[in-house]
């Protein structure tokens, strides 16, 4: 199973959006998973999507701006509330977009 597939499989079973990206693409521990859970569901800084937040934390600094732009192009926004209320992009798609960005940039 590749990392994108693992992220899609573990989303909500048992992980939140940020947790599933982190657990699929980075070394993890219980403290980091707890931190990522706190940043899910629109609770990341500036209301950023949790899946994108986790992806940004994994990516090298020089790739983060482009990753945000690419995510916004796919999801319609980088902000959870806007994604849910305006673009109506499903959370599963946001997890998929974040995973695709990581696969391409790591």
PDB file of N, CA and C in Angstrom:
ATOM      1  N   UNK A   1       0.854  -1.177   0.000  1.00  0.00           N
ATOM      2  CA  UNK A   1       0.000   0.000   0.000  1.00  0.00           C
ATOM      3  C   UNK A   1       0.902   1.244   0.000  1.00  0.00           C
ATOM      4  N   UNK A   2       0.674   2.146  -0.958  1.00  0.00           N
ATOM      5  CA  UNK A   2       1.489   3.365  -0.983  1.00  0.00           C
ATOM      6  C   UNK A   2       0.986   4.354   0.070  1.00  0.00           C
ATOM      7  N   UNK A   3       1.737   5.408   0.268  1.00  0.00           N
ATOM      8  CA  UNK A   3       1.411   6.350   1.353  1.00  0.00           C
ATOM      9  C   UNK A   3       0.098   7.079   1.115  1.00  0.00           C
ATOM     10  N   UNK A   4      -0.193   7.449  -0.128  1.00  0.00           N
ATOM     11  CA  UNK A   4      -1.466   8.118  -0.416  1.00  0.00           C
ATOM     12  C   UNK A   4      -2.638   7.178  -0.101  1.00  0.00           C
ATOM     13  N   UNK A   5      -2.527   5.948  -0.530  1.00  0.00           N
ATOM     14  CA  UNK A   5      -3.577   4.969  -0.268  1.00  0.00           C
ATOM     15  C   UNK A   5      -3.736   4.736   1.236  1.00  0.00           C
ATOM     16  N   UNK A   6      -2.614   4.683   1.948  1.00  0.00           N
ATOM     17  CA  UNK A   6      -2.679   4.510   3.405  1.00  0.00           C
ATOM     18  C   UNK A   6      -3.384   5.697   4.055  1.00  0.00           C
ATOM     19  N   UNK A   7      -3.086   6.906   3.571  1.00  0.00           N
ATOM     20  CA  UNK A   7      -3.748   8.095   4.125  1.00  0.00           C
ATOM     21  C   UNK A   7      -5.258   8.033   3.897  1.00  0.00           C
ATOM     22  N   UNK A   8      -5.662   7.666   2.715  1.00  0.00           N
ATOM     23  CA  UNK A   8      -7.096   7.597   2.411  1.00  0.00           C
ATOM     24  C   UNK A   8      -7.784   6.483   3.197  1.00  0.00           C
ATOM     25  N   UNK A   9      -7.066   5.399   3.453  1.00  0.00           N
ATOM     26  CA  UNK A   9      -7.625   4.271   4.193  1.00  0.00           C
ATOM     27  C   UNK A   9      -7.760   4.573   5.683  1.00  0.00           C
ATOM     28  N   UNK A  10      -6.824   5.331   6.245  1.00  0.00           N
ATOM     29  CA  UNK A  10      -6.843   5.591   7.687  1.00  0.00           C
ATOM     30  C   UNK A  10      -7.597   6.860   8.070  1.00  0.00           C
ATOM     31  N   UNK A  11      -8.022   7.657   7.079  1.00  0.00           N
ATOM     32  CA  UNK A  11      -8.778   8.867   7.397  1.00  0.00           C
ATOM     33  C   UNK A  11     -10.109   8.482   8.035  1.00  0.00           C
ATOM     34  N   UNK A  12     -10.313   9.005   9.227  1.00  0.00           N
ATOM     35  CA  UNK A  12     -11.497   8.738  10.063  1.00  0.00           C
ATOM     36  C   UNK A  12     -11.537   7.312  10.599  1.00  0.00           C
ATOM     37  N   UNK A  13     -10.543   6.519  10.254  1.00  0.00           N
ATOM     38  CA  UNK A  13     -10.478   5.128  10.739  1.00  0.00           C
ATOM     39  C   UNK A  13      -9.059   4.800  11.139  1.00  0.00           C
ATOM     40  N   UNK A  14      -8.432   5.345  12.089  1.00  0.00           N
ATOM     41  CA  UNK A  14      -8.940   6.099  13.229  1.00  0.00           C
ATOM     42  C   UNK A  14      -8.546   7.574  13.239  1.00  0.00           C
ATOM     43  N   UNK A  15      -7.903   8.083  12.194  1.00  0.00           N
ATOM     44  CA  UNK A  15      -7.258   9.395  12.279  1.00  0.00           C
ATOM     45  C   UNK A  15      -8.086  10.545  11.709  1.00  0.00           C
ATOM     46  N   UNK A  16      -7.784  11.749  12.235  1.00  0.00           N
ATOM     47  CA  UNK A  16      -8.323  12.990  11.688  1.00  0.00           C
ATOM     48  C   UNK A  16      -7.544  13.338  10.415  1.00  0.00           C
ATOM     49  N   UNK A  17      -7.932  14.413   9.772  1.00  0.00           N
ATOM     50  CA  UNK A  17      -7.282  14.801   8.516  1.00  0.00           C
ATOM     51  C   UNK A  17      -5.780  15.050   8.693  1.00  0.00           C
ATOM     52  N   UNK A  18      -5.400  15.837   9.677  1.00  0.00           N
ATOM     53  CA  UNK A  18      -3.978  16.115   9.895  1.00  0.00           C
ATOM     54  C   UNK A  18      -3.230  14.866  10.352  1.00  0.00           C
ATOM     55  N   UNK A  19      -3.851  14.092  11.234  1.00  0.00           N
ATOM     56  CA  UNK A  19      -3.202  12.874  11.722  1.00  0.00           C
ATOM     57  C   UNK A  19      -2.927  11.881  10.609  1.00  0.00           C
ATOM     58  N   UNK A  20      -3.881  11.696   9.719  1.00  0.00           N
ATOM     59  CA  UNK A  20      -3.711  10.687   8.687  1.00  0.00           C
ATOM     60  C   UNK A  20      -2.600  11.049   7.715  1.00  0.00           C
ATOM     61  N   UNK A  21      -2.461  12.335   7.396  1.00  0.00           N
ATOM     62  CA  UNK A  21      -1.353  12.771   6.533  1.00  0.00           C
ATOM     63  C   UNK A  21      -0.033  12.564   7.269  1.00  0.00           C
ATOM     64  N   UNK A  22       0.025  13.006   8.509  1.00  0.00           N
ATOM     65  CA  UNK A  22       1.270  12.870   9.278  1.00  0.00           C
ATOM     66  C   UNK A  22       1.664  11.404   9.436  1.00  0.00           C
ATOM     67  N   UNK A  23       0.728  10.571   9.837  1.00  0.00           N
ATOM     68  CA  UNK A  23       1.033   9.158  10.084  1.00  0.00           C
ATOM     69  C   UNK A  23       1.444   8.427   8.805  1.00  0.00           C
ATOM     70  N   UNK A  24       0.979   8.893   7.665  1.00  0.00           N
ATOM     71  CA  UNK A  24       1.293   8.229   6.403  1.00  0.00           C
ATOM     72  C   UNK A  24       2.603   8.704   5.781  1.00  0.00           C
ATOM     73  N   UNK A  25       3.058   9.913   6.140  1.00  0.00           N
ATOM     74  CA  UNK A  25       4.216  10.483   5.462  1.00  0.00           C
ATOM     75  C   UNK A  25       5.388  10.855   6.369  1.00  0.00           C
ATOM     76  N   UNK A  26       5.231  10.756   7.683  1.00  0.00           N
ATOM     77  CA  UNK A  26       6.315  11.165   8.584  1.00  0.00           C
ATOM     78  C   UNK A  26       6.451  10.171   9.731  1.00  0.00           C
ATOM     79  N   UNK A  27       7.609  10.175  10.343  1.00  0.00           N
ATOM     80  CA  UNK A  27       7.787   9.391  11.561  1.00  0.00           C
ATOM     81  C   UNK A  27       6.875   9.983  12.618  1.00  0.00           C
ATOM     82  N   UNK A  28       6.252   9.136  13.378  1.00  0.00           N
ATOM     83  CA  UNK A  28       5.263   9.666  14.304  1.00  0.00           C
ATOM     84  C   UNK A  28       5.377   9.034  15.682  1.00  0.00           C
ATOM     85  N   UNK A  29       4.769   9.703  16.610  1.00  0.00           N
ATOM     86  CA  UNK A  29       4.673   9.227  17.985  1.00  0.00           C
ATOM     87  C   UNK A  29       3.344   9.744  18.540  1.00  0.00           C
ATOM     88  N   UNK A  30       2.983   9.294  19.706  1.00  0.00           N
ATOM     89  CA  UNK A  30       1.681   9.667  20.278  1.00  0.00           C
ATOM     90  C   UNK A  30       1.553  11.174  20.508  1.00  0.00           C
ATOM     91  N   UNK A  31       2.625  11.824  20.944  1.00  0.00           N
ATOM     92  CA  UNK A  31       2.561  13.269  21.200  1.00  0.00           C
ATOM     93  C   UNK A  31       2.308  14.044  19.905  1.00  0.00           C
ATOM     94  N   UNK A  32       2.989  13.650  18.839  1.00  0.00           N
ATOM     95  CA  UNK A  32       2.795  14.338  17.566  1.00  0.00           C
ATOM     96  C   UNK A  32       1.399  14.069  17.021  1.00  0.00           C
ATOM     97  N   UNK A  33       0.918  12.846  17.146  1.00  0.00           N
ATOM     98  CA  UNK A  33      -0.444  12.547  16.698  1.00  0.00           C
ATOM     99  C   UNK A  33      -1.478  13.351  17.487  1.00  0.00           C
ATOM    100  N   UNK A  34      -1.258  13.529  18.773  1.00  0.00           N
ATOM    101  CA  UNK A  34      -2.168  14.340  19.583  1.00  0.00           C
ATOM    102  C   UNK A  34      -2.134  15.796  19.126  1.00  0.00           C
ATOM    103  N   UNK A  35      -0.928  16.306  18.839  1.00  0.00           N
ATOM    104  CA  UNK A  35      -0.779  17.669  18.340  1.00  0.00           C
ATOM    105  C   UNK A  35      -1.517  17.829  17.010  1.00  0.00           C
ATOM    106  N   UNK A  36      -1.359  16.864  16.108  1.00  0.00           N
ATOM    107  CA  UNK A  36      -2.018  16.934  14.806  1.00  0.00           C
ATOM    108  C   UNK A  36      -3.544  16.864  14.951  1.00  0.00           C
ATOM    109  N   UNK A  37      -4.031  16.101  15.902  1.00  0.00           N
ATOM    110  CA  UNK A  37      -5.477  16.045  16.137  1.00  0.00           C
ATOM    111  C   UNK A  37      -6.011  17.411  16.544  1.00  0.00           C
ATOM    112  N   UNK A  38      -5.224  18.125  17.349  1.00  0.00           N
ATOM    113  CA  UNK A  38      -5.615  19.471  17.776  1.00  0.00           C
ATOM    114  C   UNK A  38      -5.669  20.454  16.611  1.00  0.00           C
ATOM    115  N   UNK A  39      -4.972  20.165  15.531  1.00  0.00           N
ATOM    116  CA  UNK A  39      -4.905  21.075  14.377  1.00  0.00           C
ATOM    117  C   UNK A  39      -5.860  20.666  13.266  1.00  0.00           C
ATOM    118  N   UNK A  40      -6.701  19.693  13.510  1.00  0.00           N
ATOM    119  CA  UNK A  40      -7.658  19.203  12.511  1.00  0.00           C
ATOM    120  C   UNK A  40      -8.980  19.950  12.612  1.00  0.00           C
ATOM    121  N   UNK A  41      -9.792  19.812  11.592  1.00  0.00           N
ATOM    122  CA  UNK A  41     -11.138  20.378  11.639  1.00  0.00           C
ATOM    123  C   UNK A  41     -11.183  21.885  11.695  1.00  0.00           C
ATOM    124  N   UNK A  42     -10.257  22.541  11.030  1.00  0.00           N
ATOM    125  CA  UNK A  42     -10.251  23.999  10.991  1.00  0.00           C
ATOM    126  C   UNK A  42      -9.569  24.664  12.169  1.00  0.00           C
ATOM    127  N   UNK A  43      -8.868  23.892  12.992  1.00  0.00           N
ATOM    128  CA  UNK A  43      -8.212  24.465  14.172  1.00  0.00           C
ATOM    129  C   UNK A  43      -6.737  24.764  13.952  1.00  0.00           C
ATOM    130  N   UNK A  44      -6.243  24.556  12.735  1.00  0.00           N
ATOM    131  CA  UNK A  44      -4.856  24.918  12.426  1.00  0.00           C
ATOM    132  C   UNK A  44      -4.773  26.447  12.342  1.00  0.00           C
ATOM    133  N   UNK A  45      -3.579  27.005  12.445  1.00  0.00           N
ATOM    134  CA  UNK A  45      -3.447  28.455  12.348  1.00  0.00           C
ATOM    135  C   UNK A  45      -4.104  29.007  11.086  1.00  0.00           C
ATOM    136  N   UNK A  46      -4.744  30.143  11.217  1.00  0.00           N
ATOM    137  CA  UNK A  46      -5.405  30.837  10.112  1.00  0.00           C
ATOM    138  C   UNK A  46      -6.488  29.972   9.473  1.00  0.00           C
ATOM    139  N   UNK A  47      -7.081  29.070  10.252  1.00  0.00           N
ATOM    140  CA  UNK A  47      -8.154  28.191   9.791  1.00  0.00           C
ATOM    141  C   UNK A  47      -7.733  27.301   8.627  1.00  0.00           C
ATOM    142  N   UNK A  48      -6.430  27.012   8.529  1.00  0.00           N
ATOM    143  CA  UNK A  48      -5.922  26.169   7.448  1.00  0.00           C
ATOM    144  C   UNK A  48      -6.489  24.761   7.557  1.00  0.00           C
ATOM    145  N   UNK A  49      -6.753  24.150   6.411  1.00  0.00           N
ATOM    146  CA  UNK A  49      -7.167  22.754   6.354  1.00  0.00           C
ATOM    147  C   UNK A  49      -6.138  21.901   7.103  1.00  0.00           C
ATOM    148  N   UNK A  50      -6.597  20.988   7.927  1.00  0.00           N
ATOM    149  CA  UNK A  50      -5.695  20.155   8.713  1.00  0.00           C
ATOM    150  C   UNK A  50      -4.792  19.271   7.871  1.00  0.00           C
ATOM    151  N   UNK A  51      -5.328  18.724   6.782  1.00  0.00           N
ATOM    152  CA  UNK A  51      -4.509  17.883   5.902  1.00  0.00           C
ATOM    153  C   UNK A  51      -3.387  18.710   5.283  1.00  0.00           C
ATOM    154  N   UNK A  52      -3.703  19.923   4.858  1.00  0.00           N
ATOM    155  CA  UNK A  52      -2.686  20.812   4.299  1.00  0.00           C
ATOM    156  C   UNK A  52      -1.684  21.216   5.372  1.00  0.00           C
ATOM    157  N   UNK A  53      -2.165  21.512   6.569  1.00  0.00           N
ATOM    158  CA  UNK A  53      -1.276  21.882   7.677  1.00  0.00           C
ATOM    159  C   UNK A  53      -0.225  20.802   7.917  1.00  0.00           C
ATOM    160  N   UNK A  54      -0.661  19.550   7.988  1.00  0.00           N
ATOM    161  CA  UNK A  54       0.282  18.451   8.212  1.00  0.00           C
ATOM    162  C   UNK A  54       1.263  18.340   7.050  1.00  0.00           C
ATOM    163  N   UNK A  55       0.756  18.461   5.827  1.00  0.00           N
ATOM    164  CA  UNK A  55       1.634  18.378   4.649  1.00  0.00           C
ATOM    165  C   UNK A  55       2.688  19.476   4.672  1.00  0.00           C
ATOM    166  N   UNK A  56       2.282  20.681   5.024  1.00  0.00           N
ATOM    167  CA  UNK A  56       3.211  21.820   5.076  1.00  0.00           C
ATOM    168  C   UNK A  56       4.302  21.564   6.113  1.00  0.00           C
ATOM    169  N   UNK A  57       3.932  20.978   7.237  1.00  0.00           N
ATOM    170  CA  UNK A  57       4.913  20.684   8.286  1.00  0.00           C
ATOM    171  C   UNK A  57       5.923  19.626   7.837  1.00  0.00           C
ATOM    172  N   UNK A  58       5.533  18.759   6.920  1.00  0.00           N
ATOM    173  CA  UNK A  58       6.418  17.699   6.435  1.00  0.00           C
ATOM    174  C   UNK A  58       7.335  18.199   5.320  1.00  0.00           C
ATOM    175  N   UNK A  59       6.820  19.086   4.495  1.00  0.00           N
ATOM    176  CA  UNK A  59       7.590  19.561   3.337  1.00  0.00           C
ATOM    177  C   UNK A  59       8.759  20.459   3.723  1.00  0.00           C
ATOM    178  N   UNK A  60       9.814  20.460   2.911  1.00  0.00           N
ATOM    179  CA  UNK A  60      10.891  21.428   3.122  1.00  0.00           C
ATOM    180  C   UNK A  60      10.342  22.849   2.952  1.00  0.00           C
ATOM    181  N   UNK A  61      10.918  23.791   3.669  1.00  0.00           N
ATOM    182  CA  UNK A  61      10.442  25.177   3.680  1.00  0.00           C
ATOM    183  C   UNK A  61      10.298  25.744   2.268  1.00  0.00           C
ATOM    184  N   UNK A  62      11.247  25.461   1.398  1.00  0.00           N
ATOM    185  CA  UNK A  62      11.235  26.053   0.063  1.00  0.00           C
ATOM    186  C   UNK A  62      10.099  25.526  -0.828  1.00  0.00           C
ATOM    187  N   UNK A  63       9.410  24.486  -0.415  1.00  0.00           N
ATOM    188  CA  UNK A  63       8.321  23.929  -1.221  1.00  0.00           C
ATOM    189  C   UNK A  63       6.938  24.257  -0.658  1.00  0.00           C
ATOM    190  N   UNK A  64       6.879  24.928   0.459  1.00  0.00           N
ATOM    191  CA  UNK A  64       5.605  25.144   1.142  1.00  0.00           C
ATOM    192  C   UNK A  64       4.681  26.119   0.425  1.00  0.00           C
ATOM    193  N   UNK A  65       5.196  27.212  -0.080  1.00  0.00           N
ATOM    194  CA  UNK A  65       4.354  28.201  -0.755  1.00  0.00           C
ATOM    195  C   UNK A  65       3.703  27.597  -1.987  1.00  0.00           C
ATOM    196  N   UNK A  66       4.486  26.891  -2.791  1.00  0.00           N
ATOM    197  CA  UNK A  66       3.942  26.254  -3.989  1.00  0.00           C
ATOM    198  C   UNK A  66       2.917  25.186  -3.616  1.00  0.00           C
ATOM    199  N   UNK A  67       3.172  24.450  -2.544  1.00  0.00           N
ATOM    200  CA  UNK A  67       2.229  23.423  -2.098  1.00  0.00           C
ATOM    201  C   UNK A  67       0.888  24.052  -1.712  1.00  0.00           C
ATOM    202  N   UNK A  68       0.934  25.170  -1.016  1.00  0.00           N
ATOM    203  CA  UNK A  68      -0.304  25.865  -0.636  1.00  0.00           C
ATOM    204  C   UNK A  68      -1.069  26.327  -1.869  1.00  0.00           C
ATOM    205  N   UNK A  69      -0.345  26.863  -2.840  1.00  0.00           N
ATOM    206  CA  UNK A  69      -0.989  27.336  -4.073  1.00  0.00           C
ATOM    207  C   UNK A  69      -1.628  26.167  -4.829  1.00  0.00           C
ATOM    208  N   UNK A  70      -0.930  25.065  -4.903  1.00  0.00           N
ATOM    209  CA  UNK A  70      -1.459  23.889  -5.597  1.00  0.00           C
ATOM    210  C   UNK A  70      -2.684  23.332  -4.876  1.00  0.00           C
ATOM    211  N   UNK A  71      -2.622  23.274  -3.566  1.00  0.00           N
ATOM    212  CA  UNK A  71      -3.757  22.787  -2.783  1.00  0.00           C
ATOM    213  C   UNK A  71      -4.968  23.690  -2.999  1.00  0.00           C
ATOM    214  N   UNK A  72      -4.741  24.993  -2.954  1.00  0.00           N
ATOM    215  CA  UNK A  72      -5.837  25.948  -3.138  1.00  0.00           C
ATOM    216  C   UNK A  72      -6.474  25.793  -4.521  1.00  0.00           C
ATOM    217  N   UNK A  73      -5.660  25.560  -5.520  1.00  0.00           N
ATOM    218  CA  UNK A  73      -6.174  25.358  -6.872  1.00  0.00           C
ATOM    219  C   UNK A  73      -7.078  24.120  -6.932  1.00  0.00           C
ATOM    220  N   UNK A  74      -6.689  23.067  -6.229  1.00  0.00           N
ATOM    221  CA  UNK A  74      -7.462  21.818  -6.257  1.00  0.00           C
ATOM    222  C   UNK A  74      -8.697  21.882  -5.363  1.00  0.00           C
ATOM    223  N   UNK A  75      -8.555  22.415  -4.153  1.00  0.00           N
ATOM    224  CA  UNK A  75      -9.642  22.387  -3.170  1.00  0.00           C
ATOM    225  C   UNK A  75     -10.521  23.633  -3.206  1.00  0.00           C
ATOM    226  N   UNK A  76     -10.026  24.692  -3.830  1.00  0.00           N
ATOM    227  CA  UNK A  76     -10.791  25.929  -3.883  1.00  0.00           C
ATOM    228  C   UNK A  76     -10.410  26.926  -2.808  1.00  0.00           C
ATOM    229  N   UNK A  77      -9.690  26.483  -1.804  1.00  0.00           N
ATOM    230  CA  UNK A  77      -9.228  27.335  -0.710  1.00  0.00           C
ATOM    231  C   UNK A  77      -8.227  26.541   0.123  1.00  0.00           C
ATOM    232  N   UNK A  78      -7.498  27.230   0.965  1.00  0.00           N
ATOM    233  CA  UNK A  78      -6.617  26.572   1.938  1.00  0.00           C
ATOM    234  C   UNK A  78      -7.252  26.557   3.324  1.00  0.00           C
ATOM    235  N   UNK A  79      -8.367  27.255   3.470  1.00  0.00           N
ATOM    236  CA  UNK A  79      -9.011  27.403   4.769  1.00  0.00           C
ATOM    237  C   UNK A  79     -10.174  26.426   4.916  1.00  0.00           C
ATOM    238  N   UNK A  80     -10.167  25.708   6.006  1.00  0.00           N
ATOM    239  CA  UNK A  80     -11.160  24.672   6.263  1.00  0.00           C
ATOM    240  C   UNK A  80     -12.591  25.192   6.136  1.00  0.00           C
ATOM    241  N   UNK A  81     -12.914  26.279   6.796  1.00  0.00           N
ATOM    242  CA  UNK A  81     -14.288  26.776   6.783  1.00  0.00           C
ATOM    243  C   UNK A  81     -14.733  27.142   5.369  1.00  0.00           C
ATOM    244  N   UNK A  82     -13.855  27.767   4.595  1.00  0.00           N
ATOM    245  CA  UNK A  82     -14.199  28.106   3.211  1.00  0.00           C
ATOM    246  C   UNK A  82     -14.377  26.841   2.371  1.00  0.00           C
ATOM    247  N   UNK A  83     -13.519  25.862   2.595  1.00  0.00           N
ATOM    248  CA  UNK A  83     -13.631  24.600   1.852  1.00  0.00           C
ATOM    249  C   UNK A  83     -14.974  23.940   2.151  1.00  0.00           C
ATOM    250  N   UNK A  84     -15.355  23.914   3.409  1.00  0.00           N
ATOM    251  CA  UNK A  84     -16.601  23.250   3.795  1.00  0.00           C
ATOM    252  C   UNK A  84     -17.843  24.040   3.383  1.00  0.00           C
ATOM    253  N   UNK A  85     -17.809  25.363   3.531  1.00  0.00           N
ATOM    254  CA  UNK A  85     -19.023  26.146   3.313  1.00  0.00           C
ATOM    255  C   UNK A  85     -19.171  26.683   1.893  1.00  0.00           C
ATOM    256  N   UNK A  86     -18.061  26.978   1.226  1.00  0.00           N
ATOM    257  CA  UNK A  86     -18.162  27.604  -0.090  1.00  0.00           C
ATOM    258  C   UNK A  86     -17.869  26.639  -1.232  1.00  0.00           C
ATOM    259  N   UNK A  87     -16.743  25.968  -1.180  1.00  0.00           N
ATOM    260  CA  UNK A  87     -16.389  25.097  -2.303  1.00  0.00           C
ATOM    261  C   UNK A  87     -17.006  23.708  -2.172  1.00  0.00           C
ATOM    262  N   UNK A  88     -17.397  23.356  -0.945  1.00  0.00           N
ATOM    263  CA  UNK A  88     -18.026  22.052  -0.662  1.00  0.00           C
ATOM    264  C   UNK A  88     -17.148  20.864  -1.056  1.00  0.00           C
ATOM    265  N   UNK A  89     -15.834  21.078  -1.056  1.00  0.00           N
ATOM    266  CA  UNK A  89     -14.897  19.990  -1.335  1.00  0.00           C
ATOM    267  C   UNK A  89     -14.909  19.029  -0.151  1.00  0.00           C
ATOM    268  N   UNK A  90     -15.153  17.748  -0.374  1.00  0.00           N
ATOM    269  CA  UNK A  90     -15.178  16.785   0.746  1.00  0.00           C
ATOM    270  C   UNK A  90     -13.806  16.674   1.426  1.00  0.00           C
ATOM    271  N   UNK A  91     -13.829  16.420   2.712  1.00  0.00           N
ATOM    272  CA  UNK A  91     -12.589  16.263   3.475  1.00  0.00           C
ATOM    273  C   UNK A  91     -11.714  15.155   2.893  1.00  0.00           C
ATOM    274  N   UNK A  92     -12.329  14.087   2.419  1.00  0.00           N
ATOM    275  CA  UNK A  92     -11.575  12.996   1.815  1.00  0.00           C
ATOM    276  C   UNK A  92     -10.746  13.495   0.628  1.00  0.00           C
ATOM    277  N   UNK A  93     -11.320  14.415  -0.153  1.00  0.00           N
ATOM    278  CA  UNK A  93     -10.580  14.980  -1.280  1.00  0.00           C
ATOM    279  C   UNK A  93      -9.405  15.828  -0.789  1.00  0.00           C
ATOM    280  N   UNK A  94      -9.605  16.565   0.297  1.00  0.00           N
ATOM    281  CA  UNK A  94      -8.513  17.372   0.844  1.00  0.00           C
ATOM    282  C   UNK A  94      -7.353  16.485   1.305  1.00  0.00           C
ATOM    283  N   UNK A  95      -7.676  15.361   1.924  1.00  0.00           N
ATOM    284  CA  UNK A  95      -6.643  14.399   2.319  1.00  0.00           C
ATOM    285  C   UNK A  95      -5.922  13.884   1.073  1.00  0.00           C
ATOM    286  N   UNK A  96      -6.685  13.555   0.038  1.00  0.00           N
ATOM    287  CA  UNK A  96      -6.096  13.064  -1.209  1.00  0.00           C
ATOM    288  C   UNK A  96      -5.195  14.123  -1.835  1.00  0.00           C
ATOM    289  N   UNK A  97      -5.646  15.379  -1.880  1.00  0.00           N
ATOM    290  CA  UNK A  97      -4.840  16.456  -2.472  1.00  0.00           C
ATOM    291  C   UNK A  97      -3.540  16.653  -1.699  1.00  0.00           C
ATOM    292  N   UNK A  98      -3.617  16.651  -0.371  1.00  0.00           N
ATOM    293  CA  UNK A  98      -2.416  16.824   0.460  1.00  0.00           C
ATOM    294  C   UNK A  98      -1.448  15.661   0.231  1.00  0.00           C
ATOM    295  N   UNK A  99      -1.975  14.454   0.147  1.00  0.00           N
ATOM    296  CA  UNK A  99      -1.126  13.278  -0.093  1.00  0.00           C
ATOM    297  C   UNK A  99      -0.460  13.349  -1.463  1.00  0.00           C
ATOM    298  N   UNK A 100      -1.208  13.773  -2.473  1.00  0.00           N
ATOM    299  CA  UNK A 100      -0.638  13.899  -3.819  1.00  0.00           C
ATOM    300  C   UNK A 100       0.478  14.942  -3.854  1.00  0.00           C
ATOM    301  N   UNK A 101       0.268  16.037  -3.168  1.00  0.00           N
ATOM    302  CA  UNK A 101       1.290  17.089  -3.109  1.00  0.00           C
ATOM    303  C   UNK A 101       2.546  16.561  -2.432  1.00  0.00           C
ATOM    304  N   UNK A 102       2.379  15.822  -1.355  1.00  0.00           N
ATOM    305  CA  UNK A 102       3.539  15.251  -0.676  1.00  0.00           C
ATOM    306  C   UNK A 102       4.255  14.233  -1.548  1.00  0.00           C
ATOM    307  N   UNK A 103       3.501  13.354  -2.183  1.00  0.00           N
ATOM    308  CA  UNK A 103       4.137  12.361  -3.057  1.00  0.00           C
ATOM    309  C   UNK A 103       4.973  13.026  -4.147  1.00  0.00           C
ATOM    310  N   UNK A 104       4.482  14.114  -4.673  1.00  0.00           N
ATOM    311  CA  UNK A 104       5.162  14.811  -5.752  1.00  0.00           C
ATOM    312  C   UNK A 104       6.397  15.588  -5.268  1.00  0.00           C
ATOM    313  N   UNK A 105       6.358  16.033  -4.028  1.00  0.00           N
ATOM    314  CA  UNK A 105       7.391  16.958  -3.536  1.00  0.00           C
ATOM    315  C   UNK A 105       8.399  16.368  -2.554  1.00  0.00           C
ATOM    316  N   UNK A 106       8.234  15.110  -2.187  1.00  0.00           N
ATOM    317  CA  UNK A 106       9.190  14.510  -1.248  1.00  0.00           C
ATOM    318  C   UNK A 106      10.209  13.667  -2.000  1.00  0.00           C
TER     319      UNK A 106
END
